[in-house]
C-alpha atoms as a PDB file:
ATOM      1  CA  MET A   1     -10.279 -70.145-113.526  1.00  0.00           C
ATOM      2  CA  ASN A   2     -10.222 -66.339-113.374  1.00  0.00           C
ATOM      3  CA  GLN A   3     -11.590 -64.784-116.572  1.00  0.00           C
ATOM      4  CA  VAL A   4     -13.740 -61.686-116.985  1.00  0.00           C
ATOM      5  CA  ALA A   5     -15.528 -60.271-120.035  1.00  0.00           C
ATOM      6  CA  PHE A   6     -16.976 -56.859-119.343  1.00  0.00           C
ATOM      7  CA  SER A   7     -18.526 -53.953-121.273  1.00  0.00           C
ATOM      8  CA  GLY A   8     -18.276 -50.407-120.031  1.00  0.00           C
ATOM      9  CA  ARG A   9     -17.586 -46.754-120.671  1.00  0.00           C
ATOM     10  CA  LEU A  10     -14.088 -45.390-120.041  1.00  0.00           C
ATOM     11  CA  VAL A  11     -15.142 -42.627-117.626  1.00  0.00           C
ATOM     12  CA  GLU A  12     -11.760 -41.878-116.055  1.00  0.00           C
ATOM     13  CA  ARG A  13      -8.137 -42.682-116.675  1.00  0.00           C
ATOM     14  CA  LYS A  14      -4.877 -41.629-115.121  1.00  0.00           C
ATOM     15  CA  PRO A  15      -1.928 -40.582-117.282  1.00  0.00           C
ATOM     16  CA  LEU A  16      -0.002 -43.375-118.983  1.00  0.00           C
ATOM     17  CA  ARG A  17       3.099 -44.159-116.955  1.00  0.00           C
ATOM     18  CA  VAL A  18       5.980 -46.608-116.971  1.00  0.00           C
ATOM     19  CA  ASN A  19       6.072 -49.034-114.043  1.00  0.00           C
ATOM     20  CA  PRO A  20       9.309 -50.111-112.282  1.00  0.00           C
ATOM     21  CA  SER A  21       9.664 -53.125-114.595  1.00  0.00           C
ATOM     22  CA  GLY A  22       9.682 -50.792-117.627  1.00  0.00           C
ATOM     23  CA  HIS A  23       6.171 -51.540-118.947  1.00  0.00           C
ATOM     24  CA  ALA A  24       3.523 -48.981-119.865  1.00  0.00           C
ATOM     25  CA  SER A  25       0.773 -48.925-117.215  1.00  0.00           C
ATOM     26  CA  LEU A  26      -2.648 -47.284-117.208  1.00  0.00           C
ATOM     27  CA  GLU A  27      -5.196 -47.151-114.378  1.00  0.00           C
ATOM     28  CA  CYS A  28      -8.788 -46.380-115.311  1.00  0.00           C
ATOM     29  CA  ILE A  29     -12.419 -46.493-114.229  1.00  0.00           C
ATOM     30  CA  LEU A  30     -14.983 -48.278-116.390  1.00  0.00           C
ATOM     31  CA  TRP A  31     -18.709 -47.625-115.868  1.00  0.00           C
ATOM     32  CA  HIS A  32     -20.826 -50.743-116.482  1.00  0.00           C
ATOM     33  CA  GLU A  33     -24.588 -50.827-117.115  1.00  0.00           C
ATOM     34  CA  SER A  34     -26.640 -53.924-117.894  1.00  0.00           C
ATOM     35  CA  SER A  35     -29.673 -56.002-117.007  1.00  0.00           C
ATOM     36  CA  VAL A  36     -29.292 -59.532-115.673  1.00  0.00           C
ATOM     37  CA  THR A  37     -31.623 -62.231-114.454  1.00  0.00           C
ATOM     38  CA  GLU A  38     -31.030 -63.607-110.967  1.00  0.00           C
ATOM     39  CA  ALA A  39     -33.340 -66.149-109.300  1.00  0.00           C
ATOM     40  CA  GLY A  40     -35.909 -65.473-112.015  1.00  0.00           C
ATOM     41  CA  GLN A  41     -35.934 -61.722-111.360  1.00  0.00           C
ATOM     42  CA  SER A  42     -34.623 -58.994-113.652  1.00  0.00           C
ATOM     43  CA  ARG A  43     -31.999 -56.781-112.040  1.00  0.00           C
ATOM     44  CA  ARG A  44     -30.515 -53.543-113.383  1.00  0.00           C
ATOM     45  CA  LEU A  45     -26.787 -53.042-112.760  1.00  0.00           C
ATOM     46  CA  SER A  46     -24.934 -49.732-112.923  1.00  0.00           C
ATOM     47  CA  TYR A  47     -21.541 -49.333-111.225  1.00  0.00           C
ATOM     48  CA  PRO A  48     -17.888 -48.287-111.640  1.00  0.00           C
ATOM     49  CA  THR A  49     -15.017 -50.763-111.771  1.00  0.00           C
ATOM     50  CA  ALA A  50     -11.313 -50.017-111.299  1.00  0.00           C
ATOM     51  CA  GLY A  51      -9.157 -51.320-114.132  1.00  0.00           C
ATOM     52  CA  ILE A  52      -5.477 -51.538-114.924  1.00  0.00           C
ATOM     53  CA  ALA A  53      -3.754 -52.358-118.196  1.00  0.00           C
ATOM     54  CA  LEU A  54      -0.093 -52.989-119.021  1.00  0.00           C
ATOM     55  CA  GLY A  55       2.075 -52.838-122.129  1.00  0.00           C
ATOM     56  CA  SER A  56       0.503 -52.327-125.552  1.00  0.00           C
ATOM     57  CA  VAL A  57      -3.013 -52.686-124.095  1.00  0.00           C
ATOM     58  CA  ALA A  58      -2.313 -49.697-121.809  1.00  0.00           C
ATOM     59  CA  GLU A  59      -1.011 -47.676-124.761  1.00  0.00           C
ATOM     60  CA  ARG A  60      -4.119 -48.494-126.847  1.00  0.00           C
ATOM     61  CA  LEU A  61      -6.456 -47.553-123.962  1.00  0.00           C
ATOM     62  CA  ALA A  62      -4.605 -44.268-123.461  1.00  0.00           C
ATOM     63  CA  ALA A  63      -5.328 -43.342-127.084  1.00  0.00           C
ATOM     64  CA  LEU A  64      -9.130 -43.660-126.711  1.00  0.00           C
ATOM     65  CA  ALA A  65     -11.454 -40.683-126.448  1.00  0.00           C
ATOM     66  CA  PRO A  66     -13.073 -39.962-123.060  1.00  0.00           C
ATOM     67  CA  ASN A  67     -16.269 -41.990-122.501  1.00  0.00           C
ATOM     68  CA  ALA A  68     -15.339 -44.516-125.198  1.00  0.00           C
ATOM     69  CA  CYS A  69     -17.367 -47.721-124.947  1.00  0.00           C
ATOM     70  CA  VAL A  70     -15.212 -50.860-124.726  1.00  0.00           C
ATOM     71  CA  ARG A  71     -15.582 -54.592-124.245  1.00  0.00           C
ATOM     72  CA  VAL A  72     -12.657 -55.817-122.169  1.00  0.00           C
ATOM     73  CA  LYS A  73     -11.208 -59.218-121.336  1.00  0.00           C
ATOM     74  CA  GLY A  74      -9.058 -59.837-118.318  1.00  0.00           C
ATOM     75  CA  PHE A  75      -8.910 -61.179-114.786  1.00  0.00           C
ATOM     76  CA  LEU A  76      -9.564 -60.004-111.226  1.00  0.00           C
ATOM     77  CA  ALA A  77      -6.762 -59.548-108.713  1.00  0.00           C
ATOM     78  CA  PRO A  78      -6.606 -57.907-105.283  1.00  0.00           C
ATOM     79  CA  ARG A  79      -5.330 -54.359-105.099  1.00  0.00           C
ATOM     80  CA  ARG A  80      -1.871 -54.021-103.601  1.00  0.00           C
ATOM     81  CA  GLY A  81      -2.070 -54.187 -99.816  1.00  0.00           C
ATOM     82  CA  ALA A  82      -5.725 -55.309 -99.916  1.00  0.00           C
ATOM     83  CA  PHE A  83      -5.136 -58.399 -97.775  1.00  0.00           C
ATOM     84  CA  GLN A  84      -2.456 -60.339 -95.949  1.00  0.00           C
ATOM     85  CA  THR A  85      -1.317 -63.922 -96.434  1.00  0.00           C
ATOM     86  CA  GLY A  86       0.251 -66.508 -94.188  1.00  0.00           C
ATOM     87  CA  ASP A  87      -0.670 -66.620 -90.493  1.00  0.00           C
ATOM     88  CA  ASP A  88      -2.570 -63.308 -90.785  1.00  0.00           C
ATOM     89  CA  LEU A  89      -4.888 -64.605 -93.521  1.00  0.00           C
ATOM     90  CA  SER A  90      -7.962 -62.398 -93.623  1.00  0.00           C
ATOM     91  CA  LEU A  91     -11.322 -63.746 -94.743  1.00  0.00           C
ATOM     92  CA  LYS A  92     -12.613 -60.247 -95.479  1.00  0.00           C
ATOM     93  CA  PRO A  93     -13.288 -59.702 -99.184  1.00  0.00           C
ATOM     94  CA  ALA A  94     -10.400 -57.951-100.911  1.00  0.00           C
ATOM     95  CA  ALA A  95     -10.799 -54.808-102.992  1.00  0.00           C
ATOM     96  CA  LEU A  96     -10.323 -55.982-106.583  1.00  0.00           C
ATOM     97  CA  ASN A  97      -8.905 -54.516-109.783  1.00  0.00           C
ATOM     98  CA  LEU A  98      -9.917 -55.674-113.237  1.00  0.00           C
ATOM     99  CA  HIS A  99      -6.629 -56.391-115.052  1.00  0.00           C
ATOM    100  CA  ILE A 100      -7.389 -55.676-118.698  1.00  0.00           C
ATOM    101  CA  THR A 101      -5.538 -58.024-121.065  1.00  0.00           C
ATOM    102  CA  ASP A 102      -7.406 -57.063-124.256  1.00  0.00           C
ATOM    103  CA  PHE A 103     -10.294 -54.930-125.476  1.00  0.00           C
ATOM    104  CA  VAL A 104     -12.351 -53.945-128.497  1.00  0.00           C
ATOM    105  CA  LEU A 105     -14.083 -50.646-129.061  1.00  0.00           C
ATOM    106  CA  GLU A 106     -17.896 -50.805-129.009  1.00  0.00           C
ATOM    107  CA  ASN A 107     -20.512 -48.356-130.141  1.00  0.00           C
ATOM    108  CA  PRO A 108     -22.955 -47.211-127.402  1.00  0.00           C
ATOM    109  CA  ASN A 109     -25.310 -50.096-128.308  1.00  0.00           C
ATOM    110  CA  HIS A 110     -22.584 -52.622-127.312  1.00  0.00           C
ATOM    111  CA  VAL A 111     -21.741 -53.697-130.855  1.00  0.00           C
ATOM    112  CA  PRO A 112     -17.997 -54.411-131.273  1.00  0.00           C
ATOM    113  CA  GLN A 113     -16.071 -52.252-133.741  1.00  0.00           C
ATOM    114  CA  VAL A 114     -12.697 -52.956-135.305  1.00  0.00           C
ATOM    115  CA  ILE A 115      -9.937 -50.668-133.973  1.00  0.00           C
END
């Protein structure tokens, strides 16, 4: 299974483009901040994540204001050229992109809003 649910701020996005297969495509950076518990200890997280959206999801993301807060759903996949397969299989971790398949707008307190 490869499913991700993620909240973040849309801190950067490239212009909407059309990929070679004719679909709208948007690359972006989401900034995530949260607190989690790991091994009984509280841990504060704050980091950027590269995202990519296709089709109508890309068009909807492109229409958002800068720094909009969103809750996204999607999956992780290696960036193009991040690793090799076959006989040259690398065990080094691949650089990953979050492929955004859906999202809802949130207010800054992480409460979903209808868009």
